[in-house]
N, C-alpha and C. Protein backbone atom coordinates (compact mmCIF):
# COMPACT_ATOMS: atom_id res chain seq x y z
N MET A 1 71.91 -1.60 27.15
CA MET A 1 71.38 -1.50 25.55
C MET A 1 69.74 -1.16 26.41
N ASN A 2 68.98 -0.19 26.29
CA ASN A 2 67.80 -0.10 26.62
C ASN A 2 66.66 -0.34 24.85
N ILE A 3 65.70 -1.52 25.48
CA ILE A 3 64.96 -1.84 24.19
C ILE A 3 63.79 -0.92 24.27
N ASN A 4 63.14 -0.09 23.16
CA ASN A 4 62.29 0.47 23.19
C ASN A 4 60.86 -0.54 22.90
N LEU A 5 60.48 -1.34 24.24
CA LEU A 5 59.39 -1.96 23.63
C LEU A 5 58.07 -1.65 22.59
N LYS A 6 57.72 -0.70 23.17
CA LYS A 6 56.95 -0.18 22.41
C LYS A 6 56.78 0.16 21.29
N SER A 7 57.79 0.15 20.46
CA SER A 7 58.38 0.55 19.35
C SER A 7 58.41 -0.68 18.62
N ILE A 8 59.14 -2.03 19.26
CA ILE A 8 58.92 -2.84 18.66
C ILE A 8 57.26 -3.67 18.42
N GLU A 9 56.85 -3.58 19.42
CA GLU A 9 55.01 -3.91 19.55
C GLU A 9 54.47 -3.05 18.44
N LYS A 10 54.74 -1.99 18.25
CA LYS A 10 54.32 -1.45 17.13
C LYS A 10 54.48 -1.93 16.07
N ASN A 11 55.72 -2.00 15.46
CA ASN A 11 56.12 -3.08 14.30
C ASN A 11 55.94 -4.39 14.62
N LEU A 12 55.40 -4.59 15.47
CA LEU A 12 55.02 -5.99 14.97
C LEU A 12 53.40 -6.31 15.26
N GLY A 13 52.89 -5.24 15.50
CA GLY A 13 51.48 -5.19 15.60
C GLY A 13 50.88 -6.13 16.38
N VAL A 14 51.61 -5.97 17.74
CA VAL A 14 51.30 -7.03 18.97
C VAL A 14 51.37 -6.28 20.17
N ASN A 15 50.59 -6.33 21.03
CA ASN A 15 50.91 -5.81 22.44
C ASN A 15 50.83 -6.72 23.37
N PHE A 16 52.33 -6.98 24.03
CA PHE A 16 52.43 -8.14 24.88
C PHE A 16 52.21 -8.02 26.29
N LYS A 17 51.48 -8.59 26.82
CA LYS A 17 50.78 -8.73 28.25
C LYS A 17 51.94 -8.52 29.38
N ASN A 18 52.95 -9.67 29.02
CA ASN A 18 54.08 -9.41 29.78
C ASN A 18 55.49 -9.21 29.07
N LYS A 19 55.40 -7.92 29.10
CA LYS A 19 56.81 -7.50 28.51
C LYS A 19 58.13 -7.83 29.11
N ASN A 20 58.26 -8.88 30.03
CA ASN A 20 59.48 -9.22 30.09
C ASN A 20 59.68 -10.42 29.21
N LEU A 21 58.68 -11.09 28.65
CA LEU A 21 58.85 -12.21 27.87
C LEU A 21 59.14 -11.35 26.21
N LEU A 22 59.31 -10.38 26.04
CA LEU A 22 59.44 -9.78 25.04
C LEU A 22 60.97 -9.73 25.20
N ASN A 23 61.45 -8.65 26.23
CA ASN A 23 62.36 -8.18 26.27
C ASN A 23 63.59 -9.29 26.76
N LYS A 24 62.92 -10.47 26.84
CA LYS A 24 63.82 -11.81 27.10
C LYS A 24 64.03 -12.36 25.71
N SER A 25 63.09 -12.37 24.53
CA SER A 25 63.23 -12.82 23.32
C SER A 25 64.62 -12.60 22.47
N LEU A 26 64.78 -10.81 22.96
CA LEU A 26 65.63 -10.14 22.21
C LEU A 26 67.10 -10.27 23.05
N ILE A 27 67.47 -11.07 23.76
CA ILE A 27 68.53 -11.08 24.44
C ILE A 27 69.31 -12.28 24.10
N HIS A 28 70.38 -12.24 23.09
CA HIS A 28 71.15 -13.45 22.92
C HIS A 28 72.10 -13.62 23.97
N LYS A 29 72.68 -14.97 24.11
CA LYS A 29 73.42 -15.78 24.89
C LYS A 29 74.83 -14.98 25.16
N SER A 30 75.14 -14.11 24.10
CA SER A 30 76.51 -13.36 24.48
C SER A 30 76.29 -12.55 25.20
N PHE A 31 75.14 -11.91 25.27
CA PHE A 31 74.94 -10.72 26.17
C PHE A 31 74.77 -10.95 27.66
N ASP A 32 73.89 -12.10 27.89
CA ASP A 32 73.88 -12.56 28.76
C ASP A 32 73.61 -14.24 28.86
N LYS A 33 74.59 -15.33 29.75
CA LYS A 33 74.87 -16.32 29.79
C LYS A 33 73.64 -16.85 30.27
N ILE A 34 72.92 -16.46 31.18
CA ILE A 34 71.70 -17.22 32.06
C ILE A 34 70.21 -16.50 31.90
N ASN A 35 70.34 -15.19 31.45
CA ASN A 35 68.92 -14.68 31.45
C ASN A 35 69.24 -14.15 29.83
N ASN A 36 68.82 -15.29 28.75
CA ASN A 36 68.61 -15.18 27.37
C ASN A 36 67.58 -15.82 26.59
N ASN A 37 67.39 -15.72 25.33
CA ASN A 37 66.54 -16.29 24.67
C ASN A 37 66.47 -17.54 24.39
N GLU A 38 67.31 -18.42 24.59
CA GLU A 38 67.63 -19.72 24.31
C GLU A 38 66.49 -20.54 24.25
N LYS A 39 65.80 -20.56 25.49
CA LYS A 39 64.67 -21.59 25.68
C LYS A 39 63.24 -21.00 25.37
N LEU A 40 63.29 -19.99 24.74
CA LEU A 40 62.27 -19.40 24.08
C LEU A 40 62.42 -19.98 22.55
N GLU A 41 63.59 -20.17 22.27
CA GLU A 41 64.00 -19.82 20.94
C GLU A 41 63.57 -21.70 20.47
N PHE A 42 63.90 -22.36 21.86
CA PHE A 42 63.36 -23.89 21.58
C PHE A 42 62.04 -24.13 21.48
N LEU A 43 61.78 -23.41 22.12
CA LEU A 43 59.73 -23.62 22.15
C LEU A 43 59.20 -22.64 20.53
N GLY A 44 60.04 -21.18 20.58
CA GLY A 44 59.40 -20.82 19.20
C GLY A 44 59.26 -21.97 18.14
N ASP A 45 60.56 -22.54 17.74
CA ASP A 45 60.87 -23.56 16.81
C ASP A 45 59.91 -24.84 16.63
N ARG A 46 59.44 -24.86 18.15
CA ARG A 46 58.25 -26.21 17.68
C ARG A 46 57.09 -25.20 17.19
N VAL A 47 56.79 -24.32 18.03
CA VAL A 47 55.39 -23.73 17.63
C VAL A 47 55.27 -22.96 16.01
N ILE A 48 56.68 -23.07 15.50
CA ILE A 48 56.26 -22.56 14.28
C ILE A 48 56.35 -23.84 13.15
N GLY A 49 56.68 -24.80 13.83
CA GLY A 49 56.88 -25.98 13.14
C GLY A 49 55.08 -26.27 12.63
N LEU A 50 54.96 -26.46 14.11
CA LEU A 50 53.58 -26.68 14.49
C LEU A 50 52.40 -26.18 13.34
N ILE A 51 52.36 -25.06 13.10
CA ILE A 51 51.58 -24.02 12.33
C ILE A 51 51.96 -24.08 11.24
N ILE A 52 53.26 -24.21 10.92
CA ILE A 52 53.48 -24.24 9.29
C ILE A 52 53.27 -25.62 8.59
N SER A 53 53.40 -26.72 9.44
CA SER A 53 53.15 -27.98 9.07
C SER A 53 51.42 -27.93 8.67
N LYS A 54 50.72 -27.57 9.84
CA LYS A 54 49.13 -27.25 9.43
C LYS A 54 48.57 -26.87 8.27
N LYS A 55 49.24 -25.58 8.44
CA LYS A 55 48.88 -24.65 6.86
C LYS A 55 49.06 -25.47 5.74
N LEU A 56 50.72 -26.00 5.62
CA LEU A 56 50.88 -26.83 4.62
C LEU A 56 49.66 -28.01 4.11
N LEU A 57 49.44 -29.03 5.30
CA LEU A 57 48.47 -29.75 4.99
C LEU A 57 47.00 -29.40 4.32
N SER A 58 46.67 -28.39 4.85
CA SER A 58 45.41 -27.62 4.77
C SER A 58 45.67 -27.44 2.97
N LEU A 59 46.65 -26.91 2.50
CA LEU A 59 46.90 -26.08 1.19
C LEU A 59 47.18 -27.49 0.45
N TYR A 60 47.57 -28.26 0.71
CA TYR A 60 48.08 -29.55 -0.04
C TYR A 60 47.56 -30.90 0.16
N PRO A 61 46.20 -31.06 0.17
CA PRO A 61 45.74 -32.47 0.93
C PRO A 61 45.78 -33.48 0.11
N ASP A 62 46.61 -33.18 -0.95
CA ASP A 62 46.35 -34.55 -2.20
C ASP A 62 48.00 -34.77 -2.47
N GLU A 63 48.99 -33.74 -2.01
CA GLU A 63 50.18 -34.07 -2.15
C GLU A 63 51.06 -35.05 -1.77
N GLU A 64 52.40 -35.56 -1.92
CA GLU A 64 52.77 -36.34 -1.65
C GLU A 64 53.76 -35.90 -0.18
N GLU A 65 53.78 -36.67 0.74
CA GLU A 65 54.02 -36.74 1.91
C GLU A 65 55.54 -35.56 1.61
N GLY A 66 56.37 -36.63 0.86
CA GLY A 66 57.87 -36.06 0.58
C GLY A 66 58.18 -34.69 0.13
N ILE A 67 57.05 -34.08 -1.01
CA ILE A 67 57.17 -32.72 -1.37
C ILE A 67 56.73 -31.86 -0.11
N ILE A 68 55.76 -32.21 0.54
CA ILE A 68 55.56 -31.29 1.55
C ILE A 68 56.38 -31.08 2.62
N ASP A 69 57.15 -32.35 2.75
CA ASP A 69 58.01 -32.19 3.84
C ASP A 69 59.56 -31.14 3.15
N LYS A 70 59.34 -31.25 1.76
CA LYS A 70 60.57 -30.29 1.41
C LYS A 70 60.10 -29.10 1.52
N LYS A 71 58.76 -28.68 1.27
CA LYS A 71 58.16 -27.60 0.92
C LYS A 71 58.66 -26.77 2.72
N PHE A 72 57.74 -27.68 3.61
CA PHE A 72 58.22 -27.32 5.15
C PHE A 72 59.75 -27.21 5.59
N ALA A 73 60.39 -27.88 5.20
CA ALA A 73 61.76 -27.45 5.31
C ALA A 73 62.36 -26.34 4.69
N SER A 74 61.81 -25.87 3.40
CA SER A 74 62.27 -24.66 3.06
C SER A 74 62.03 -23.51 4.00
N LEU A 75 60.58 -23.81 4.81
CA LEU A 75 60.00 -22.50 5.38
C LEU A 75 60.10 -22.39 7.11
N VAL A 76 60.93 -23.28 7.33
CA VAL A 76 61.35 -23.05 8.55
C VAL A 76 62.72 -22.99 9.01
N ASN A 77 63.48 -23.39 7.74
CA ASN A 77 64.99 -23.14 8.17
C ASN A 77 65.55 -21.59 8.60
N LYS A 78 66.97 -22.09 8.82
CA LYS A 78 67.49 -20.78 9.43
C LYS A 78 67.45 -19.58 8.57
N LYS A 79 67.55 -20.14 7.09
CA LYS A 79 67.77 -18.73 6.50
C LYS A 79 66.50 -18.19 6.07
N THR A 80 65.11 -19.00 6.25
CA THR A 80 63.59 -18.11 5.94
C THR A 80 63.64 -17.63 7.24
N CYS A 81 64.07 -17.80 8.48
CA CYS A 81 63.26 -17.49 9.87
C CYS A 81 64.24 -16.07 9.86
N ALA A 82 65.71 -16.19 9.39
CA ALA A 82 66.50 -14.88 9.11
C ALA A 82 65.75 -13.77 8.46
N GLN A 83 65.55 -14.28 7.58
CA GLN A 83 64.46 -13.26 6.31
C GLN A 83 63.49 -12.58 7.34
N ILE A 84 62.57 -13.39 8.11
CA ILE A 84 62.07 -13.01 8.53
C ILE A 84 62.14 -11.91 9.54
N ALA A 85 62.94 -12.21 10.32
CA ALA A 85 63.93 -11.03 11.43
C ALA A 85 64.22 -9.58 10.90
N LEU A 86 64.57 -9.94 9.79
CA LEU A 86 65.09 -9.05 8.99
C LEU A 86 63.90 -8.13 8.72
N GLN A 87 62.69 -8.92 8.21
CA GLN A 87 61.65 -8.03 7.54
C GLN A 87 60.78 -7.63 9.08
N LEU A 88 61.12 -7.95 10.37
CA LEU A 88 60.35 -7.46 11.13
C LEU A 88 61.14 -6.51 12.08
N ASN A 89 62.64 -6.27 11.33
CA ASN A 89 63.37 -5.21 12.00
C ASN A 89 64.06 -5.50 13.16
N LEU A 90 63.90 -6.77 13.52
CA LEU A 90 64.27 -7.17 14.89
C LEU A 90 65.64 -7.29 14.81
N LYS A 91 66.75 -7.02 14.07
CA LYS A 91 68.21 -6.84 14.06
C LYS A 91 68.40 -5.71 14.33
N LYS A 92 67.54 -4.54 14.65
CA LYS A 92 67.65 -3.13 15.58
C LYS A 92 67.73 -3.57 16.65
N TYR A 93 67.09 -4.25 17.29
CA TYR A 93 66.88 -4.64 19.05
C TYR A 93 67.45 -5.26 19.40
N ILE A 94 68.20 -6.56 18.84
CA ILE A 94 68.61 -7.58 19.57
C ILE A 94 70.00 -7.00 20.35
N LYS A 95 69.92 -7.79 21.75
CA LYS A 95 70.81 -7.61 22.42
C LYS A 95 72.20 -8.49 22.36
N THR A 96 72.94 -8.08 21.85
CA THR A 96 74.30 -8.84 21.67
C THR A 96 75.67 -8.77 22.75
N GLY A 97 76.72 -9.43 22.92
CA GLY A 97 77.52 -8.72 23.41
C GLY A 97 78.57 -8.38 22.78
N ASN A 98 79.73 -8.16 23.38
CA ASN A 98 80.86 -7.67 22.51
C ASN A 98 81.29 -7.79 21.20
N SER A 99 81.19 -9.25 21.36
CA SER A 99 82.00 -10.20 20.23
C SER A 99 81.00 -9.95 19.01
N TYR A 100 79.52 -9.08 19.04
CA TYR A 100 78.73 -9.23 18.06
C TYR A 100 78.11 -7.45 18.05
N LYS A 101 79.12 -6.74 18.11
CA LYS A 101 78.83 -5.20 18.76
C LYS A 101 78.23 -4.81 17.24
N VAL A 102 78.73 -4.88 16.34
CA VAL A 102 77.73 -4.23 14.89
C VAL A 102 76.46 -5.81 14.46
N LEU A 103 75.67 -5.96 14.81
CA LEU A 103 75.01 -7.42 14.23
C LEU A 103 74.49 -6.99 12.69
N LYS A 104 75.29 -7.82 11.73
CA LYS A 104 74.97 -7.61 10.38
C LYS A 104 73.87 -8.60 9.81
N SER A 105 73.30 -7.99 8.62
CA SER A 105 72.53 -9.09 8.34
C SER A 105 72.85 -10.52 7.40
N THR A 106 74.12 -10.75 7.85
CA THR A 106 74.67 -11.93 7.40
C THR A 106 74.98 -12.75 8.69
N ASP A 107 74.58 -12.42 9.77
CA ASP A 107 74.65 -13.18 10.87
C ASP A 107 72.91 -13.92 11.33
N GLU A 108 73.13 -14.70 10.11
CA GLU A 108 71.83 -15.60 9.66
C GLU A 108 71.57 -16.18 11.15
N LYS A 109 72.26 -16.75 11.70
CA LYS A 109 72.27 -18.08 13.08
C LYS A 109 71.24 -17.01 14.28
N ILE A 110 71.70 -16.05 14.36
CA ILE A 110 71.05 -14.93 15.52
C ILE A 110 69.78 -14.47 15.35
N LEU A 111 69.92 -13.75 13.75
CA LEU A 111 68.27 -13.40 13.52
C LEU A 111 67.65 -14.39 13.59
N SER A 112 67.95 -15.68 12.87
CA SER A 112 67.21 -16.71 13.30
C SER A 112 66.50 -17.08 14.44
N ASP A 113 67.43 -17.29 15.26
CA ASP A 113 67.25 -17.65 16.94
C ASP A 113 66.28 -16.65 17.55
N THR A 114 66.48 -15.22 16.90
CA THR A 114 65.56 -14.56 17.95
C THR A 114 64.40 -14.42 17.22
N CYS A 115 63.82 -14.33 16.05
CA CYS A 115 62.53 -14.62 15.18
C CYS A 115 62.08 -15.73 16.10
N GLU A 116 63.07 -17.13 16.01
CA GLU A 116 62.06 -18.17 17.01
C GLU A 116 61.69 -18.02 18.29
N ALA A 117 62.49 -16.82 19.00
CA ALA A 117 62.33 -16.94 20.27
C ALA A 117 60.79 -15.68 20.51
N LEU A 118 60.91 -14.80 19.80
CA LEU A 118 59.62 -14.21 19.49
C LEU A 118 58.49 -15.06 19.55
N ILE A 119 58.26 -15.71 18.44
CA ILE A 119 57.49 -16.37 18.55
C ILE A 119 57.33 -17.40 19.59
N GLY A 120 58.12 -17.85 20.41
CA GLY A 120 57.88 -18.96 21.63
C GLY A 120 57.10 -17.59 22.47
N ALA A 121 58.19 -16.42 22.69
CA ALA A 121 57.44 -15.47 23.82
C ALA A 121 56.02 -15.08 23.28
N LEU A 122 55.53 -14.92 22.27
CA LEU A 122 54.27 -15.03 21.91
C LEU A 122 53.30 -15.74 22.27
N TYR A 123 53.95 -16.85 22.13
CA TYR A 123 53.11 -18.18 22.23
C TYR A 123 52.75 -18.41 23.89
N LEU A 124 53.70 -17.91 24.85
CA LEU A 124 53.62 -17.96 26.44
C LEU A 124 52.99 -16.82 26.62
N ASP A 125 52.60 -15.93 25.87
CA ASP A 125 52.00 -14.63 25.85
C ASP A 125 50.60 -14.51 25.95
N GLN A 126 50.28 -15.37 24.68
CA GLN A 126 49.25 -14.90 24.40
C GLN A 126 48.31 -16.32 23.77
N GLY A 127 48.99 -17.32 23.80
CA GLY A 127 48.50 -18.86 23.35
C GLY A 127 49.00 -18.98 21.63
N ILE A 128 48.30 -20.39 21.63
CA ILE A 128 48.82 -20.47 20.01
C ILE A 128 47.48 -19.95 19.08
N ASN A 129 46.49 -19.46 19.40
CA ASN A 129 45.86 -19.06 18.15
C ASN A 129 46.39 -17.56 17.87
N SER A 130 46.67 -16.58 18.93
CA SER A 130 47.31 -15.13 18.55
C SER A 130 48.92 -15.72 17.72
N ALA A 131 49.45 -17.04 18.10
CA ALA A 131 50.83 -17.21 17.64
C ALA A 131 50.67 -17.67 16.10
N GLU A 132 49.99 -18.57 16.09
CA GLU A 132 49.11 -18.82 14.45
C GLU A 132 48.78 -17.87 13.67
N LYS A 133 47.87 -17.04 14.36
CA LYS A 133 47.68 -15.42 13.39
C LYS A 133 49.01 -14.65 12.73
N PHE A 134 49.79 -14.50 13.75
CA PHE A 134 51.48 -14.06 13.48
C PHE A 134 51.81 -14.47 12.97
N ILE A 135 52.24 -16.05 12.99
CA ILE A 135 52.96 -16.48 12.06
C ILE A 135 52.42 -16.83 10.34
N LEU A 136 51.33 -16.97 10.37
CA LEU A 136 50.62 -17.13 9.09
C LEU A 136 50.64 -15.57 8.50
N LYS A 137 50.60 -14.83 9.41
CA LYS A 137 50.57 -13.35 8.46
C LYS A 137 52.09 -13.06 7.87
N VAL A 138 53.39 -13.38 9.03
CA VAL A 138 54.49 -12.75 8.58
C VAL A 138 55.16 -13.89 7.20
N TRP A 139 54.36 -15.12 7.39
CA TRP A 139 55.33 -16.05 6.68
C TRP A 139 54.60 -15.78 5.38
N SER A 140 53.27 -15.43 5.36
CA SER A 140 52.54 -15.40 4.02
C SER A 140 53.01 -15.18 2.66
N VAL A 141 54.02 -14.34 2.17
CA VAL A 141 55.00 -14.12 1.17
C VAL A 141 55.52 -15.59 1.18
N PHE A 142 56.33 -16.07 2.09
CA PHE A 142 57.07 -17.28 1.65
C PHE A 142 56.22 -18.70 1.45
N ILE A 143 54.93 -18.63 2.23
CA ILE A 143 54.02 -19.55 1.81
C ILE A 143 53.70 -19.46 0.59
N LYS A 144 53.10 -18.51 -0.05
CA LYS A 144 52.67 -18.04 -1.37
C LYS A 144 53.41 -18.26 -2.30
N ASP A 145 55.00 -18.00 -2.40
CA ASP A 145 56.06 -18.21 -2.83
C ASP A 145 56.61 -19.58 -3.14
N SER A 146 56.74 -20.50 -1.90
CA SER A 146 56.80 -21.71 -2.17
C SER A 146 56.43 -22.46 -3.51
N LYS A 147 57.74 -22.87 -4.02
CA LYS A 147 57.26 -23.85 -5.38
C LYS A 147 57.13 -25.36 -4.69
N ILE A 148 56.22 -26.16 -5.77
CA ILE A 148 56.40 -27.60 -5.62
C ILE A 148 57.79 -27.70 -5.95
N THR A 149 58.16 -28.25 -4.98
CA THR A 149 59.33 -29.33 -5.05
C THR A 149 59.22 -30.82 -5.74
N LYS A 150 59.90 -31.11 -6.90
CA LYS A 150 60.15 -32.12 -7.13
C LYS A 150 60.88 -33.11 -6.71
N ILE A 151 60.42 -34.48 -6.24
CA ILE A 151 61.54 -35.04 -5.65
C ILE A 151 62.29 -35.60 -6.66
N ASP A 152 63.82 -35.77 -6.65
CA ASP A 152 64.65 -36.21 -7.26
C ASP A 152 64.54 -38.22 -7.42
N SER A 153 64.84 -38.66 -8.41
CA SER A 153 64.96 -39.87 -8.41
C SER A 153 65.41 -40.58 -7.26
N LYS A 154 66.45 -40.48 -7.09
CA LYS A 154 67.18 -40.91 -5.99
C LYS A 154 66.86 -40.93 -4.35
N THR A 155 66.10 -39.87 -4.31
CA THR A 155 65.61 -39.44 -3.22
C THR A 155 64.07 -40.39 -2.96
N LYS A 156 63.48 -40.33 -3.90
CA LYS A 156 62.56 -41.16 -4.02
C LYS A 156 62.52 -42.69 -4.03
N LEU A 157 63.69 -43.12 -4.67
CA LEU A 157 64.10 -44.52 -4.26
C LEU A 157 64.54 -44.86 -2.65
N GLN A 158 65.21 -43.77 -2.05
CA GLN A 158 65.64 -44.30 -0.85
C GLN A 158 64.67 -44.10 0.26
N GLU A 159 63.66 -43.20 -0.32
CA GLU A 159 62.32 -43.01 0.93
C GLU A 159 61.59 -44.43 0.71
N TYR A 160 61.36 -44.83 -0.49
CA TYR A 160 60.92 -46.22 -0.81
C TYR A 160 61.29 -47.36 -0.03
N SER A 161 62.57 -47.48 -0.57
CA SER A 161 63.57 -48.58 -0.03
C SER A 161 63.62 -48.67 1.81
N LEU A 162 64.16 -47.28 2.13
CA LEU A 162 63.49 -47.32 4.02
C LEU A 162 62.77 -47.74 4.29
N LYS A 163 61.19 -47.21 3.62
CA LYS A 163 60.28 -47.21 4.17
C LYS A 163 60.05 -48.68 4.04
N LYS A 164 60.13 -49.45 3.12
CA LYS A 164 59.85 -50.99 2.74
C LYS A 164 60.51 -51.79 3.27
N TYR A 165 61.83 -51.94 2.90
CA TYR A 165 63.14 -52.78 3.40
C TYR A 165 63.85 -52.10 4.63
N LYS A 166 63.69 -50.99 5.35
CA LYS A 166 64.48 -50.54 6.31
C LYS A 166 65.90 -50.63 5.69
N LYS A 167 66.56 -50.48 4.20
CA LYS A 167 67.67 -50.44 3.84
C LYS A 167 67.89 -49.64 2.85
N LEU A 168 69.54 -48.92 2.43
CA LEU A 168 69.21 -47.93 1.48
C LEU A 168 69.41 -48.80 -0.21
N PRO A 169 69.74 -47.95 -0.87
CA PRO A 169 69.66 -48.74 -2.08
C PRO A 169 70.99 -48.32 -2.14
N VAL A 170 71.79 -49.52 -3.40
CA VAL A 170 73.32 -49.72 -2.90
C VAL A 170 73.58 -49.41 -4.61
N TYR A 171 74.52 -48.51 -4.53
CA TYR A 171 74.59 -47.81 -6.20
C TYR A 171 76.43 -48.28 -6.42
N THR A 172 76.46 -48.75 -7.57
CA THR A 172 78.00 -49.13 -7.80
C THR A 172 78.26 -48.24 -9.10
N ILE A 173 79.31 -47.49 -9.40
CA ILE A 173 79.66 -47.54 -10.91
C ILE A 173 80.97 -48.38 -11.50
N THR A 174 80.47 -48.77 -12.33
CA THR A 174 80.57 -49.80 -12.94
C THR A 174 81.94 -49.77 -14.23
N LYS A 175 81.32 -48.59 -14.96
CA LYS A 175 82.48 -48.41 -16.19
C LYS A 175 82.54 -46.88 -16.51
N LYS A 176 83.67 -46.73 -16.87
CA LYS A 176 83.82 -45.06 -17.34
C LYS A 176 84.49 -45.21 -18.72
N VAL A 177 83.67 -44.29 -19.75
CA VAL A 177 84.50 -44.65 -21.20
C VAL A 177 84.43 -43.42 -21.53
N GLY A 178 85.46 -42.95 -22.57
CA GLY A 178 85.75 -41.75 -23.29
C GLY A 178 86.77 -41.00 -22.90
N PRO A 179 86.98 -39.69 -23.23
CA PRO A 179 88.11 -39.00 -22.66
C PRO A 179 87.60 -38.27 -21.20
N ASN A 180 88.60 -37.88 -20.64
CA ASN A 180 88.54 -37.26 -19.17
C ASN A 180 87.89 -36.12 -19.38
N HIS A 181 87.92 -35.35 -20.48
CA HIS A 181 86.99 -34.30 -20.45
C HIS A 181 85.56 -34.36 -20.88
N ASN A 182 85.08 -35.49 -21.45
CA ASN A 182 84.09 -35.88 -21.73
C ASN A 182 83.44 -37.29 -21.53
N PRO A 183 83.93 -37.65 -20.27
CA PRO A 183 83.61 -39.15 -19.62
C PRO A 183 82.16 -39.47 -19.68
N ILE A 184 81.78 -41.20 -19.79
CA ILE A 184 80.43 -41.27 -19.59
C ILE A 184 80.55 -42.33 -18.65
N PHE A 185 79.73 -42.24 -17.50
CA PHE A 185 79.77 -42.96 -16.54
C PHE A 185 78.51 -43.99 -16.76
N LYS A 186 78.83 -45.63 -15.93
CA LYS A 186 77.37 -46.60 -15.80
C LYS A 186 77.40 -46.92 -14.49
N ALA A 187 76.60 -46.77 -13.94
CA ALA A 187 76.35 -46.96 -12.42
C ALA A 187 75.06 -47.96 -12.75
N LEU A 188 74.85 -48.86 -11.36
CA LEU A 188 74.04 -49.87 -11.64
C LEU A 188 73.28 -49.55 -10.01
N VAL A 189 72.35 -49.87 -9.77
CA VAL A 189 71.69 -49.57 -8.30
C VAL A 189 70.39 -50.76 -8.14
N ASN A 190 70.50 -51.34 -7.12
CA ASN A 190 69.47 -52.27 -6.60
C ASN A 190 69.25 -52.25 -5.64
N ILE A 191 67.88 -52.88 -5.03
CA ILE A 191 67.36 -52.79 -3.67
C ILE A 191 66.83 -53.84 -3.39
N PRO A 192 66.85 -54.53 -2.07
CA PRO A 192 66.34 -55.74 -1.70
C PRO A 192 65.15 -56.29 -2.57
N GLN A 193 65.59 -57.43 -3.15
CA GLN A 193 64.37 -58.14 -3.81
C GLN A 193 64.15 -57.64 -5.55
N SER A 194 65.26 -56.92 -6.06
CA SER A 194 64.89 -56.17 -7.02
C SER A 194 66.41 -56.81 -7.70
N LYS A 195 66.28 -56.94 -9.30
CA LYS A 195 67.70 -56.87 -9.67
C LYS A 195 68.26 -55.38 -9.98
N LYS A 196 69.37 -55.51 -10.46
CA LYS A 196 70.21 -54.20 -10.76
C LYS A 196 69.80 -53.43 -11.81
N TYR A 197 69.59 -52.13 -11.88
CA TYR A 197 69.05 -51.27 -12.77
C TYR A 197 70.11 -50.36 -13.22
N PRO A 198 70.92 -50.14 -14.70
CA PRO A 198 71.66 -49.75 -15.68
C PRO A 198 70.98 -47.89 -15.47
N GLY A 199 72.23 -47.00 -15.26
CA GLY A 199 72.00 -45.41 -15.75
C GLY A 199 73.42 -45.41 -16.11
N PHE A 200 73.60 -44.06 -17.12
CA PHE A 200 74.65 -43.70 -17.99
C PHE A 200 74.39 -41.90 -17.34
N GLY A 201 75.16 -41.75 -17.34
CA GLY A 201 75.57 -40.13 -17.54
C GLY A 201 77.09 -39.40 -17.27
N LYS A 202 76.84 -38.32 -17.83
CA LYS A 202 78.10 -37.66 -17.79
C LYS A 202 79.38 -37.41 -16.41
N SER A 203 78.39 -37.68 -15.64
CA SER A 203 78.68 -37.67 -14.19
C SER A 203 78.52 -38.62 -13.21
N LYS A 204 79.25 -39.25 -12.42
CA LYS A 204 78.76 -40.17 -11.56
C LYS A 204 77.06 -40.19 -10.89
N LYS A 205 77.04 -38.75 -10.31
CA LYS A 205 75.76 -38.37 -9.80
C LYS A 205 74.73 -38.68 -10.82
N ILE A 206 75.03 -38.11 -12.56
CA ILE A 206 73.72 -38.31 -13.10
C ILE A 206 73.44 -39.81 -13.33
N ALA A 207 74.90 -40.86 -13.53
CA ALA A 207 74.38 -41.90 -13.80
C ALA A 207 73.74 -42.73 -12.65
N GLU A 208 74.05 -41.89 -11.28
CA GLU A 208 72.93 -42.74 -10.56
C GLU A 208 71.49 -42.40 -10.51
N GLN A 209 71.34 -41.17 -10.85
CA GLN A 209 70.28 -40.55 -10.74
C GLN A 209 69.17 -41.57 -11.99
N ASN A 210 70.05 -41.68 -13.02
CA ASN A 210 69.23 -42.14 -14.14
C ASN A 210 69.08 -43.75 -13.75
N ALA A 211 70.03 -44.07 -13.06
CA ALA A 211 69.46 -45.72 -12.51
C ALA A 211 68.56 -45.63 -11.48
N ALA A 212 68.21 -45.09 -10.69
CA ALA A 212 67.28 -44.87 -9.72
C ALA A 212 66.06 -44.68 -10.85
N PHE A 213 66.28 -43.67 -11.62
CA PHE A 213 64.76 -43.68 -12.65
C PHE A 213 64.09 -45.06 -13.15
N GLU A 214 65.25 -45.57 -13.61
CA GLU A 214 64.66 -46.84 -14.34
C GLU A 214 63.99 -47.68 -13.32
N LEU A 215 64.36 -47.93 -12.31
CA LEU A 215 64.22 -48.69 -11.03
C LEU A 215 63.02 -48.21 -10.65
N ILE A 216 62.73 -47.03 -10.41
CA ILE A 216 61.54 -46.50 -9.44
C ILE A 216 60.37 -46.57 -11.27
N LYS A 217 60.62 -46.60 -12.27
CA LYS A 217 59.95 -46.51 -13.29
C LYS A 217 59.11 -48.20 -13.10
N ASP A 218 60.27 -49.13 -13.20
CA ASP A 218 60.16 -50.33 -13.20
C ASP A 218 58.88 -50.70 -12.14
N LEU A 219 59.09 -49.94 -10.89
CA LEU A 219 58.10 -50.25 -9.95
C LEU A 219 57.16 -49.12 -9.66
N ASP A 220 56.81 -48.57 -10.96
CA ASP A 220 55.96 -47.53 -10.92
C ASP A 220 55.49 -46.63 -9.72
N LEU A 221 56.60 -46.10 -9.76
CA LEU A 221 56.59 -45.05 -8.62
C LEU A 221 56.57 -43.96 -8.82
N ASN A 222 56.53 -43.35 -10.19
CA ASN A 222 56.83 -42.26 -10.97
C ASN A 222 55.08 -41.72 -10.72
């Protein structure tokens, strides 16, 4: 399979100085076990993480770290990177072995890895400024559409307890009342140096969430 590099560059809006880097970024390990895009993928993953985290901090200077972290995770995960790859039409150019004769849109990992490898290649070819410009351009819709994620009570309590005491909260289901089709559970939660706080719900998970909510409310973490 010969890759039309000029066609890719036109599609990306980028002209590579070293065409070999661009070509290598599109070679999956199933096609060539030695000369493939794995190391470029490793590098690209870090470059994307740096640029996206920097952008989020500039956009949300007063936001809680936990919320920024969740927004970051949604922007750099495999699903988003695969969507970027499809957006850039990389599927058409990826070199794969016989086991991936016809690459599908559902082959999320290959698409995601190729997207990261492309970013790694661009960084090596033209430096961090060009990589940043490209990343912010192709991620712009995802960054714009990313919703503020509210941290649930269990997560917030866990983060607080680990940070302050290096220990996880302890949950105990102490009671279940009502019929099996409509039960009510009672949960208790405590962290070091706290009393046990109760929570009730129609599932164990909801009961634990409500117990955590009561504890963080008393800690004034809301």
